[in-house]
C-alpha atoms as a PDB file:
ATOM      1  CA  UNK A   1       5.768 -16.451  16.884  1.00  0.00           C
ATOM      2  CA  UNK A   2       3.509 -13.437  17.356  1.00  0.00           C
ATOM      3  CA  UNK A   3       0.841 -10.908  15.670  1.00  0.00           C
ATOM      4  CA  UNK A   4       1.172  -7.766  17.266  1.00  0.00           C
ATOM      5  CA  UNK A   5      -0.823  -4.124  16.067  1.00  0.00           C
ATOM      6  CA  UNK A   6       0.300  -0.734  17.166  1.00  0.00           C
ATOM      7  CA  UNK A   7      -2.200   0.822  18.491  1.00  0.00           C
ATOM      8  CA  UNK A   8      -2.666   2.806  15.561  1.00  0.00           C
ATOM      9  CA  UNK A   9      -2.665   0.651  12.664  1.00  0.00           C
ATOM     10  CA  UNK A  10      -5.589  -0.350  15.352  1.00  0.00           C
ATOM     11  CA  UNK A  11      -7.089   2.914  15.290  1.00  0.00           C
ATOM     12  CA  UNK A  12      -6.316   2.831  10.668  1.00  0.00           C
ATOM     13  CA  UNK A  13      -8.061  -0.589  10.872  1.00  0.00           C
ATOM     14  CA  UNK A  14     -11.467   0.060  12.783  1.00  0.00           C
ATOM     15  CA  UNK A  15     -11.365   3.984  11.055  1.00  0.00           C
ATOM     16  CA  UNK A  16     -11.669   2.830   7.505  1.00  0.00           C
ATOM     17  CA  UNK A  17     -14.160  -0.268   8.730  1.00  0.00           C
ATOM     18  CA  UNK A  18     -16.921   2.574  10.621  1.00  0.00           C
ATOM     19  CA  UNK A  19     -16.374   4.323   7.275  1.00  0.00           C
ATOM     20  CA  UNK A  20     -17.529   1.374   5.338  1.00  0.00           C
ATOM     21  CA  UNK A  21     -19.755   0.648   7.185  1.00  0.00           C
ATOM     22  CA  UNK A  22     -21.684   3.551   7.137  1.00  0.00           C
ATOM     23  CA  UNK A  23     -22.975   1.770   2.870  1.00  0.00           C
ATOM     24  CA  UNK A  24     -21.955  -1.074   4.238  1.00  0.00           C
ATOM     25  CA  UNK A  25     -21.850  -3.633   6.829  1.00  0.00           C
ATOM     26  CA  UNK A  26     -20.624  -6.569   4.894  1.00  0.00           C
ATOM     27  CA  UNK A  27     -18.042  -4.898   2.788  1.00  0.00           C
ATOM     28  CA  UNK A  28     -16.362  -3.085   5.720  1.00  0.00           C
ATOM     29  CA  UNK A  29     -16.101  -6.997   7.730  1.00  0.00           C
ATOM     30  CA  UNK A  30     -14.669  -8.545   4.726  1.00  0.00           C
ATOM     31  CA  UNK A  31     -12.060  -6.096   4.092  1.00  0.00           C
ATOM     32  CA  UNK A  32     -11.210  -6.172   8.057  1.00  0.00           C
ATOM     33  CA  UNK A  33     -11.018 -10.318   8.162  1.00  0.00           C
ATOM     34  CA  UNK A  34      -9.043 -10.118   5.238  1.00  0.00           C
ATOM     35  CA  UNK A  35      -6.162  -7.683   6.764  1.00  0.00           C
ATOM     36  CA  UNK A  36      -6.904  -9.261   9.428  1.00  0.00           C
ATOM     37  CA  UNK A  37      -6.217 -12.899   8.180  1.00  0.00           C
ATOM     38  CA  UNK A  38      -3.262 -12.128   6.555  1.00  0.00           C
ATOM     39  CA  UNK A  39      -1.541 -10.235   9.843  1.00  0.00           C
ATOM     40  CA  UNK A  40      -1.807 -13.946  11.502  1.00  0.00           C
ATOM     41  CA  UNK A  41      -0.918 -15.628   8.590  1.00  0.00           C
ATOM     42  CA  UNK A  42       2.613 -13.009   9.032  1.00  0.00           C
ATOM     43  CA  UNK A  43       3.376 -15.670  11.564  1.00  0.00           C
ATOM     44  CA  UNK A  44       3.571 -18.882   9.913  1.00  0.00           C
ATOM     45  CA  UNK A  45       6.241 -17.323   6.872  1.00  0.00           C
ATOM     46  CA  UNK A  46       7.656 -12.908   8.286  1.00  0.00           C
ATOM     47  CA  UNK A  47       9.322 -13.182   5.100  1.00  0.00           C
ATOM     48  CA  UNK A  48       6.675 -13.440   2.858  1.00  0.00           C
ATOM     49  CA  UNK A  49       6.526  -9.715   1.939  1.00  0.00           C
ATOM     50  CA  UNK A  50       9.374  -7.865   0.252  1.00  0.00           C
ATOM     51  CA  UNK A  51      11.110  -5.887   2.348  1.00  0.00           C
ATOM     52  CA  UNK A  52      10.187  -1.752   2.988  1.00  0.00           C
ATOM     53  CA  UNK A  53      11.044  -0.318  -0.045  1.00  0.00           C
ATOM     54  CA  UNK A  54       9.605   3.525   1.582  1.00  0.00           C
ATOM     55  CA  UNK A  55      11.415   2.407   5.060  1.00  0.00           C
ATOM     56  CA  UNK A  56      15.203   5.002   5.087  1.00  0.00           C
ATOM     57  CA  UNK A  57      17.758   2.661   6.898  1.00  0.00           C
ATOM     58  CA  UNK A  58      16.411  -0.229   6.669  1.00  0.00           C
ATOM     59  CA  UNK A  59      18.252  -3.141   8.688  1.00  0.00           C
ATOM     60  CA  UNK A  60      16.368  -5.877   7.288  1.00  0.00           C
ATOM     61  CA  UNK A  61      13.407  -6.402  10.038  1.00  0.00           C
ATOM     62  CA  UNK A  62      10.624  -3.782   8.297  1.00  0.00           C
ATOM     63  CA  UNK A  63       9.017  -5.603   5.577  1.00  0.00           C
ATOM     64  CA  UNK A  64       5.683  -4.764   3.625  1.00  0.00           C
ATOM     65  CA  UNK A  65       2.013  -6.204   1.934  1.00  0.00           C
ATOM     66  CA  UNK A  66      -0.717  -4.451  -0.056  1.00  0.00           C
ATOM     67  CA  UNK A  67      -3.961  -5.023  -0.384  1.00  0.00           C
ATOM     68  CA  UNK A  68      -7.768  -2.993  -0.988  1.00  0.00           C
ATOM     69  CA  UNK A  69      -5.080  -0.230  -2.020  1.00  0.00           C
ATOM     70  CA  UNK A  70      -3.815  -0.300   1.423  1.00  0.00           C
ATOM     71  CA  UNK A  71       0.093  -0.922   2.670  1.00  0.00           C
ATOM     72  CA  UNK A  72       1.060  -2.953   5.122  1.00  0.00           C
ATOM     73  CA  UNK A  73       3.711  -2.344   7.071  1.00  0.00           C
ATOM     74  CA  UNK A  74       5.484  -4.299   9.673  1.00  0.00           C
ATOM     75  CA  UNK A  75       8.528  -5.335  11.409  1.00  0.00           C
ATOM     76  CA  UNK A  76       9.462  -8.819  12.001  1.00  0.00           C
ATOM     77  CA  UNK A  77      10.986  -9.192  15.380  1.00  0.00           C
ATOM     78  CA  UNK A  78      12.206 -12.623  17.584  1.00  0.00           C
ATOM     79  CA  UNK A  79       8.887 -13.190  18.779  1.00  0.00           C
ATOM     80  CA  UNK A  80       6.953 -11.041  17.046  1.00  0.00           C
ATOM     81  CA  UNK A  81       5.677  -9.485  14.063  1.00  0.00           C
ATOM     82  CA  UNK A  82       4.793  -5.720  14.741  1.00  0.00           C
ATOM     83  CA  UNK A  83       2.146  -4.124  12.823  1.00  0.00           C
ATOM     84  CA  UNK A  84       3.759  -0.875  12.592  1.00  0.00           C
ATOM     85  CA  UNK A  85       0.821   1.103  10.272  1.00  0.00           C
ATOM     86  CA  UNK A  86      -2.310   0.478   7.757  1.00  0.00           C
ATOM     87  CA  UNK A  87      -2.113   3.606   4.849  1.00  0.00           C
ATOM     88  CA  UNK A  88      -3.743   3.893   2.285  1.00  0.00           C
ATOM     89  CA  UNK A  89      -0.980   4.272  -1.085  1.00  0.00           C
ATOM     90  CA  UNK A  90      -0.217   7.079  -1.651  1.00  0.00           C
ATOM     91  CA  UNK A  91      -1.170   6.770  -5.845  1.00  0.00           C
ATOM     92  CA  UNK A  92      -4.325   8.265  -3.216  1.00  0.00           C
ATOM     93  CA  UNK A  93      -3.416   9.980  -1.429  1.00  0.00           C
ATOM     94  CA  UNK A  94      -6.730  13.633  -1.829  1.00  0.00           C
ATOM     95  CA  UNK A  95      -7.555  15.621   0.182  1.00  0.00           C
ATOM     96  CA  UNK A  96      -9.940  13.573   1.960  1.00  0.00           C
ATOM     97  CA  UNK A  97      -9.987  12.933   5.879  1.00  0.00           C
ATOM     98  CA  UNK A  98      -9.447   8.944   5.810  1.00  0.00           C
ATOM     99  CA  UNK A  99     -12.763   7.849   6.941  1.00  0.00           C
ATOM    100  CA  UNK A 100     -13.009   9.124   3.115  1.00  0.00           C
ATOM    101  CA  UNK A 101     -10.202   7.128   1.836  1.00  0.00           C
ATOM    102  CA  UNK A 102     -11.119   4.771   3.352  1.00  0.00           C
ATOM    103  CA  UNK A 103     -14.766   4.215   1.414  1.00  0.00           C
ATOM    104  CA  UNK A 104     -12.469   5.098  -1.679  1.00  0.00           C
ATOM    105  CA  UNK A 105     -11.037   2.823  -1.175  1.00  0.00           C
ATOM    106  CA  UNK A 106     -12.544  -0.055  -0.735  1.00  0.00           C
ATOM    107  CA  UNK A 107     -14.750   0.950  -3.182  1.00  0.00           C
ATOM    108  CA  UNK A 108     -12.232   1.259  -6.419  1.00  0.00           C
ATOM    109  CA  UNK A 109     -11.659  -2.818  -5.028  1.00  0.00           C
ATOM    110  CA  UNK A 110     -14.764  -3.823  -5.583  1.00  0.00           C
ATOM    111  CA  UNK A 111     -14.741  -1.835  -9.156  1.00  0.00           C
ATOM    112  CA  UNK A 112     -11.884  -4.245 -10.279  1.00  0.00           C
ATOM    113  CA  UNK A 113     -13.672  -7.585  -8.934  1.00  0.00           C
ATOM    114  CA  UNK A 114     -16.009  -7.588 -10.756  1.00  0.00           C
END
């Protein structure tokens, strides 16, 4: 099974990376690489994560997981896992643009791990 990122999910990841990199390229690489690795690992166990509880009319192919306070939504298809969306968790949606959110989320998660 192959893992494919949608254009919008790639854009979300790129935006988060670019903003985090303003402060720390190393931290941006850690976030990017971790999220990519977690999605690649889905090929081995696509049903590892629970059904997406926020997807209405979920026909059991929509799943989601969270890391660094990002929510990754994906679809499990017959021969492909499609990463559809990467969003900041709803509890952190403030009146900031996407790049500012990425910066806040990453730094908050680092502080929690110290």
